[in-house]
Amino acid sequence: MERQLGLTGETRDAYVRDHPAWKRGHWEQTVVALAFMHTARSRGLAVDDIKLGDASDLCRRLAQDGVGDPLRLPADGGGELPDAGNLPDVLDAVTGLLDALTGEDGADTRRLGFTIRELRADPEGFGSPPHGGWAKSRTIARWHLDVNSEMISDGRWAVSRADQEAARLTGLFQPPAYNYPVDPAPGEEAHPSWLQRANRLVGLGTTLHTLEEMLPRDPKGFYGPLAIVMGSFGGLCDELADTTGELDRAWATERHLSTSDWERVHVPDAVLRQTAATEEAVSGFAAFLAGLIPAGGAGQ
């Protein structure tokens, strides 16, 4: 709904009330949220660890048996359930959605958190209309890199000492440091782990944004060429921040698993592809920065 309407929450709710088709979508959202909540409570799980098949089974039973207590709102909750006459159809629709997300081969293992991370890593920006996904962020960053190269070539940008110092401070002229989290240690299987690679990229994003703000601006207060490209690559790294933060917290409580087993449970292939694509783009950015430094000066 947000993707299609692009409205505030209040305006969207008003729209839903006036348009039955959107109201149906609002009902489905309410039911699926309650299904997740009750499944988590009944199984003593964090919402992140709910198996989608279990939530789907709950909705299927309710559709067959009629509305019952399992979908009653908590006393301190908000929102509203759809009219009882429409609820069976809504339950069928939600069940179909959850079944489609689990798939025939993933019904026993597909978890809510895993699926959310997979959707978040969609390169076209599923559910993320403000920025359009990491692939768009990568395209924008590369475009800024090409523009900056042209500006150097035709003399529109004279690289300053401040630019060169900022390039050195990125740390991209040294081998990548995979020092957090500390496990697995160098030499062990899966080193660097995905979480180490992702934390390195997220940390780099923070560094790039800091340098972006430190670089001098022109007399009118506009960012210079290097600040702009640093901000765009910082934004690309930021695309991994939410998923990395979630899995950072999960890793802290699940170190009984091997790194490979843990990654298989928590890190979708889509996130692995996003991470590799971001690393590749950052390598191109590092090569560009190296070209700003006089020969032999990158390591100084």
Protein backbone atom coordinates (compact mmCIF):
# COMPACT_ATOMS: atom_id res chain seq x y z
CA MET A 1 0.00 0.00 0.00
CA GLU A 2 2.78 2.43 0.87
CA ARG A 3 4.60 1.56 -2.34
CA GLN A 4 1.55 2.26 -4.49
CA LEU A 5 0.06 5.25 -2.67
CA GLY A 6 3.15 6.86 -1.18
CA LEU A 7 1.02 8.43 1.55
CA THR A 8 1.41 9.08 5.26
CA GLY A 9 -0.08 6.55 7.67
CA GLU A 10 -2.99 8.82 8.53
CA THR A 11 -3.85 9.58 4.91
CA ARG A 12 -3.51 5.91 4.00
CA ASP A 13 -5.92 4.86 6.77
CA ALA A 14 -8.46 7.40 5.55
CA TYR A 15 -8.09 6.10 2.01
CA VAL A 16 -8.63 2.54 3.19
CA ARG A 17 -11.87 3.49 4.91
CA ASP A 18 -13.24 4.99 1.70
CA HIS A 19 -12.13 2.26 -0.73
CA PRO A 20 -13.33 -1.30 -0.06
CA ALA A 21 -10.54 -2.92 -2.10
CA TRP A 22 -7.90 -1.26 0.04
CA LYS A 23 -9.90 -2.04 3.16
CA ARG A 24 -9.57 -5.72 2.29
CA GLY A 25 -5.79 -5.28 2.20
CA HIS A 26 -5.93 -3.63 5.62
CA TRP A 27 -7.85 -6.63 6.97
CA GLU A 28 -5.30 -9.05 5.55
CA GLN A 29 -2.46 -7.12 7.20
CA THR A 30 -4.26 -7.25 10.53
CA VAL A 31 -4.89 -10.99 10.32
CA VAL A 32 -1.36 -11.90 9.27
CA ALA A 33 0.08 -9.76 12.10
CA LEU A 34 -2.15 -11.48 14.63
CA ALA A 35 -1.26 -14.90 13.22
CA PHE A 36 2.44 -14.15 13.73
CA MET A 37 1.84 -12.82 17.23
CA HIS A 38 -0.20 -15.81 18.39
CA THR A 39 2.10 -18.34 16.77
CA ALA A 40 5.08 -16.77 18.55
CA ARG A 41 3.27 -16.78 21.90
CA SER A 42 2.00 -20.34 21.61
CA ARG A 43 5.44 -21.71 20.71
CA GLY A 44 7.50 -19.47 22.98
CA LEU A 45 9.49 -18.03 20.06
CA ALA A 46 10.75 -14.64 19.06
CA VAL A 47 8.75 -13.32 16.10
CA ASP A 48 11.92 -13.53 13.99
CA ASP A 49 12.00 -17.31 14.49
CA ILE A 50 8.40 -18.11 13.58
CA LYS A 51 8.12 -20.71 10.86
CA LEU A 52 5.82 -19.37 8.18
CA GLY A 53 4.27 -22.80 7.81
CA ASP A 54 3.11 -22.70 11.44
CA ALA A 55 1.40 -19.33 10.96
CA SER A 56 -0.13 -20.65 7.74
CA ASP A 57 -1.45 -23.73 9.58
CA LEU A 58 -3.06 -21.50 12.20
CA CYS A 59 -4.89 -19.48 9.55
CA ARG A 60 -5.94 -22.66 7.73
CA ARG A 61 -7.46 -24.14 10.91
CA LEU A 62 -9.33 -20.94 11.66
CA ALA A 63 -10.68 -20.77 8.10
CA GLN A 64 -11.98 -24.32 8.46
CA ASP A 65 -13.30 -24.08 12.02
CA GLY A 66 -14.59 -20.53 12.05
CA VAL A 67 -13.44 -17.51 14.03
CA GLY A 68 -12.19 -18.33 17.50
CA ASP A 69 -10.16 -17.03 20.40
CA PRO A 70 -6.71 -17.43 18.77
CA LEU A 71 -7.21 -14.27 16.70
CA ARG A 72 -8.76 -12.17 19.43
CA LEU A 73 -6.87 -8.92 19.97
CA PRO A 74 -5.00 -8.57 23.28
CA ALA A 75 -6.68 -6.34 25.85
CA ASP A 76 -3.98 -3.69 25.57
CA GLY A 77 -3.71 -3.92 21.77
CA GLY A 78 -5.07 -1.71 19.04
CA GLY A 79 -6.51 -2.15 15.59
CA GLU A 80 -9.63 -4.05 14.62
CA LEU A 81 -10.55 -7.35 13.05
CA PRO A 82 -12.61 -7.49 9.86
CA ASP A 83 -16.29 -8.24 10.06
CA ALA A 84 -16.88 -11.89 10.87
CA GLY A 85 -18.65 -12.42 7.58
CA ASN A 86 -15.53 -11.55 5.62
CA LEU A 87 -12.93 -13.18 7.84
CA PRO A 88 -12.97 -16.69 6.27
CA ASP A 89 -12.10 -15.23 2.86
CA VAL A 90 -9.37 -13.10 4.41
CA LEU A 91 -7.93 -16.14 6.22
CA ASP A 92 -7.86 -18.06 2.93
CA ALA A 93 -6.00 -15.21 1.25
CA VAL A 94 -3.44 -14.93 4.06
CA THR A 95 -2.95 -18.71 4.08
CA GLY A 96 -2.26 -18.64 0.34
CA LEU A 97 0.28 -15.83 0.77
CA LEU A 98 2.17 -17.66 3.51
CA ASP A 99 2.10 -20.93 1.57
CA ALA A 100 3.54 -19.16 -1.48
CA LEU A 101 6.35 -17.65 0.61
CA THR A 102 7.33 -20.98 2.17
CA GLY A 103 7.26 -22.99 -1.05
CA GLU A 104 7.07 -26.76 -1.22
CA ASP A 105 10.72 -27.30 -0.24
CA GLY A 106 10.90 -24.67 2.49
CA ALA A 107 7.75 -25.22 4.53
CA ASP A 108 9.64 -26.76 7.46
CA THR A 109 12.48 -24.26 7.68
CA ARG A 110 11.35 -20.92 6.26
CA ARG A 111 11.22 -18.35 9.03
CA LEU A 112 9.69 -14.91 9.21
CA GLY A 113 12.96 -13.07 9.85
CA PHE A 114 14.68 -14.94 7.02
CA THR A 115 11.90 -14.00 4.60
CA ILE A 116 11.92 -10.34 5.65
CA ARG A 117 15.67 -10.18 5.10
CA GLU A 118 15.28 -11.80 1.70
CA LEU A 119 12.62 -9.26 0.65
CA ARG A 120 14.71 -6.40 2.00
CA ALA A 121 17.63 -7.55 -0.17
CA ASP A 122 15.56 -7.50 -3.34
CA PRO A 123 17.65 -5.47 -5.82
CA GLU A 124 14.57 -3.67 -7.15
CA GLY A 125 13.59 -2.42 -3.70
CA PHE A 126 10.56 -4.51 -2.75
CA GLY A 127 8.70 -2.52 -0.11
CA SER A 128 11.28 0.28 -0.19
CA PRO A 129 10.04 2.94 -2.60
CA PRO A 130 12.04 5.86 -1.14
CA HIS A 131 15.37 4.59 -2.47
CA GLY A 132 14.45 1.79 -4.88
CA GLY A 133 16.71 -0.95 -3.53
CA TRP A 134 20.43 -1.61 -3.34
CA ALA A 135 20.84 -2.11 -7.10
CA LYS A 136 19.64 1.45 -7.69
CA SER A 137 21.98 2.70 -4.96
CA ARG A 138 24.85 0.91 -6.68
CA THR A 139 23.91 2.41 -10.05
CA ILE A 140 23.82 5.92 -8.56
CA ALA A 141 27.17 5.44 -6.80
CA ARG A 142 28.83 4.21 -9.99
CA TRP A 143 27.33 7.09 -11.95
CA HIS A 144 28.84 9.59 -9.50
CA LEU A 145 32.17 7.79 -9.87
CA ASP A 146 32.03 8.14 -13.67
CA VAL A 147 31.09 11.83 -13.42
CA ASN A 148 33.98 12.49 -11.03
CA SER A 149 36.42 10.75 -13.36
CA GLU A 150 35.24 12.94 -16.22
CA MET A 151 35.57 16.06 -14.06
CA ILE A 152 39.19 15.20 -13.30
CA SER A 153 39.92 14.45 -16.96
CA ASP A 154 38.49 17.71 -18.31
CA GLY A 155 39.86 19.88 -15.51
CA ARG A 156 36.58 20.75 -13.77
CA TRP A 157 37.85 19.16 -10.53
CA ALA A 158 41.33 19.87 -9.23
CA VAL A 159 41.97 17.29 -6.51
CA SER A 160 43.01 19.04 -3.29
CA ARG A 161 45.13 17.92 -0.37
CA ALA A 162 41.94 17.68 1.68
CA ASP A 163 40.53 15.30 -0.93
CA GLN A 164 43.69 13.18 -0.82
CA GLU A 165 43.69 13.05 2.97
CA ALA A 166 40.03 12.04 3.03
CA ALA A 167 40.79 9.28 0.50
CA ARG A 168 43.54 7.93 2.78
CA LEU A 169 41.24 8.06 5.83
CA THR A 170 38.72 5.71 4.23
CA GLY A 171 41.11 2.85 5.01
CA LEU A 172 40.48 1.39 1.56
CA PHE A 173 44.18 1.33 0.70
CA GLN A 174 44.82 -1.32 3.35
CA PRO A 175 43.70 -4.96 3.27
CA PRO A 176 40.14 -5.36 4.61
CA ALA A 177 40.01 -5.80 8.39
CA TYR A 178 37.53 -8.49 9.41
CA ASN A 179 37.87 -8.03 13.15
CA TYR A 180 34.25 -7.92 14.31
CA PRO A 181 32.72 -10.13 15.44
CA VAL A 182 35.91 -11.95 16.44
CA ASP A 183 34.55 -15.44 15.67
CA PRO A 184 35.44 -17.22 13.46
CA ALA A 185 39.14 -16.58 13.80
CA PRO A 186 41.43 -16.40 10.76
CA GLY A 187 42.15 -19.88 9.47
CA GLU A 188 38.83 -21.33 10.57
CA GLU A 189 36.09 -22.38 8.19
CA ALA A 190 34.09 -19.48 6.76
CA HIS A 191 36.61 -16.76 7.49
CA PRO A 192 35.73 -14.07 6.88
CA SER A 193 32.17 -14.91 7.83
CA TRP A 194 29.26 -13.11 6.23
CA LEU A 195 28.72 -11.16 9.45
CA GLN A 196 32.33 -9.99 9.43
CA ARG A 197 32.08 -8.91 5.80
CA ALA A 198 28.78 -7.12 6.40
CA ASN A 199 30.02 -5.33 9.53
CA ARG A 200 33.06 -4.16 7.63
CA LEU A 201 30.82 -2.66 4.91
CA VAL A 202 28.43 -1.04 7.39
CA GLY A 203 31.39 0.43 9.29
CA LEU A 204 32.80 1.72 6.02
CA GLY A 205 29.48 3.42 5.31
CA THR A 206 29.70 5.28 8.63
CA THR A 207 33.27 6.33 7.84
CA LEU A 208 32.31 7.59 4.39
CA HIS A 209 29.44 9.68 5.75
CA THR A 210 31.75 11.17 8.39
CA LEU A 211 34.35 12.09 5.76
CA GLU A 212 31.60 13.47 3.53
CA GLU A 213 30.71 15.98 6.25
CA MET A 214 34.36 16.80 7.05
CA LEU A 215 35.31 17.75 3.50
CA PRO A 216 35.21 21.49 2.70
CA ARG A 217 32.20 22.82 0.85
CA ASP A 218 32.16 25.47 -1.84
CA PRO A 219 31.33 29.14 -1.02
CA LYS A 220 27.62 28.46 -1.50
CA GLY A 221 27.66 25.52 0.91
CA PHE A 222 27.40 22.76 -1.67
CA TYR A 223 29.27 19.47 -1.35
CA GLY A 224 32.35 18.99 -3.49
CA PRO A 225 32.78 16.12 -5.97
CA LEU A 226 34.52 13.73 -3.56
CA ALA A 227 31.97 14.34 -0.79
CA ILE A 228 29.13 13.50 -3.16
CA VAL A 229 30.64 10.22 -4.30
CA MET A 230 31.55 9.29 -0.72
CA GLY A 231 27.97 9.90 0.33
CA SER A 232 26.63 7.74 -2.49
CA PHE A 233 28.91 4.80 -1.63
CA GLY A 234 28.12 5.31 2.04
CA GLY A 235 24.44 4.98 1.12
CA LEU A 236 25.14 1.74 -0.73
CA CYS A 237 26.83 0.30 2.36
CA ASP A 238 23.91 1.52 4.51
CA GLU A 239 21.59 -0.82 2.62
CA LEU A 240 23.03 -3.68 4.70
CA ALA A 241 22.69 -1.94 8.06
CA ASP A 242 19.26 -3.21 9.17
CA THR A 243 19.96 -6.83 8.31
CA THR A 244 23.44 -6.68 9.85
CA GLY A 245 22.08 -5.20 13.08
CA GLU A 246 19.43 -7.91 13.37
CA LEU A 247 21.88 -10.73 12.76
CA ASP A 248 24.52 -9.19 15.00
CA ARG A 249 22.08 -9.56 17.89
CA ALA A 250 21.15 -13.10 16.85
CA TRP A 251 24.79 -14.22 16.63
CA ALA A 252 25.43 -13.03 20.18
CA THR A 253 22.96 -15.63 21.50
CA GLU A 254 23.54 -18.52 19.05
CA ARG A 255 27.26 -19.24 19.11
CA HIS A 256 26.55 -22.93 19.74
CA LEU A 257 26.03 -23.23 15.98
CA SER A 258 28.92 -23.49 13.54
CA THR A 259 29.38 -20.43 11.36
CA SER A 260 28.26 -22.26 8.22
CA ASP A 261 25.15 -23.70 9.92
CA TRP A 262 24.26 -20.32 11.40
CA GLU A 263 24.57 -18.56 8.07
CA ARG A 264 22.48 -21.20 6.33
CA VAL A 265 19.64 -20.61 8.81
CA HIS A 266 19.80 -16.80 8.91
CA VAL A 267 21.38 -15.36 5.77
CA PRO A 268 19.38 -15.67 2.51
CA ASP A 269 21.13 -16.05 -0.83
CA ALA A 270 19.71 -12.65 -1.81
CA VAL A 271 21.64 -11.04 1.06
CA LEU A 272 24.82 -12.87 0.05
CA ARG A 273 24.43 -11.55 -3.50
CA GLN A 274 23.84 -8.02 -2.20
CA THR A 275 26.94 -8.25 -0.02
CA ALA A 276 29.15 -9.51 -2.85
CA ALA A 277 27.84 -6.81 -5.21
CA THR A 278 28.52 -4.13 -2.62
CA GLU A 279 32.06 -5.42 -2.07
CA GLU A 280 32.67 -5.37 -5.81
CA ALA A 281 31.44 -1.78 -6.09
CA VAL A 282 33.57 -0.72 -3.13
CA SER A 283 36.63 -2.27 -4.81
CA GLY A 284 36.00 -0.05 -7.83
CA PHE A 285 35.67 2.96 -5.54
CA ALA A 286 38.96 2.07 -3.82
CA ALA A 287 40.72 1.95 -7.19
CA PHE A 288 39.30 5.39 -8.03
CA LEU A 289 40.53 6.82 -4.72
CA ALA A 290 43.98 5.35 -5.27
CA GLY A 291 44.14 7.34 -8.49
CA LEU A 292 43.72 10.57 -6.53
CA ILE A 293 46.95 9.98 -4.62
CA PRO A 294 50.42 10.61 -6.06
CA ALA A 295 52.34 7.43 -6.87
CA GLY A 296 53.52 5.74 -3.69
CA GLY A 297 51.41 7.97 -1.44
CA ALA A 298 48.35 5.80 -0.89
CA GLY A 299 49.84 4.03 2.07
CA GLN A 300 51.06 7.17 3.84
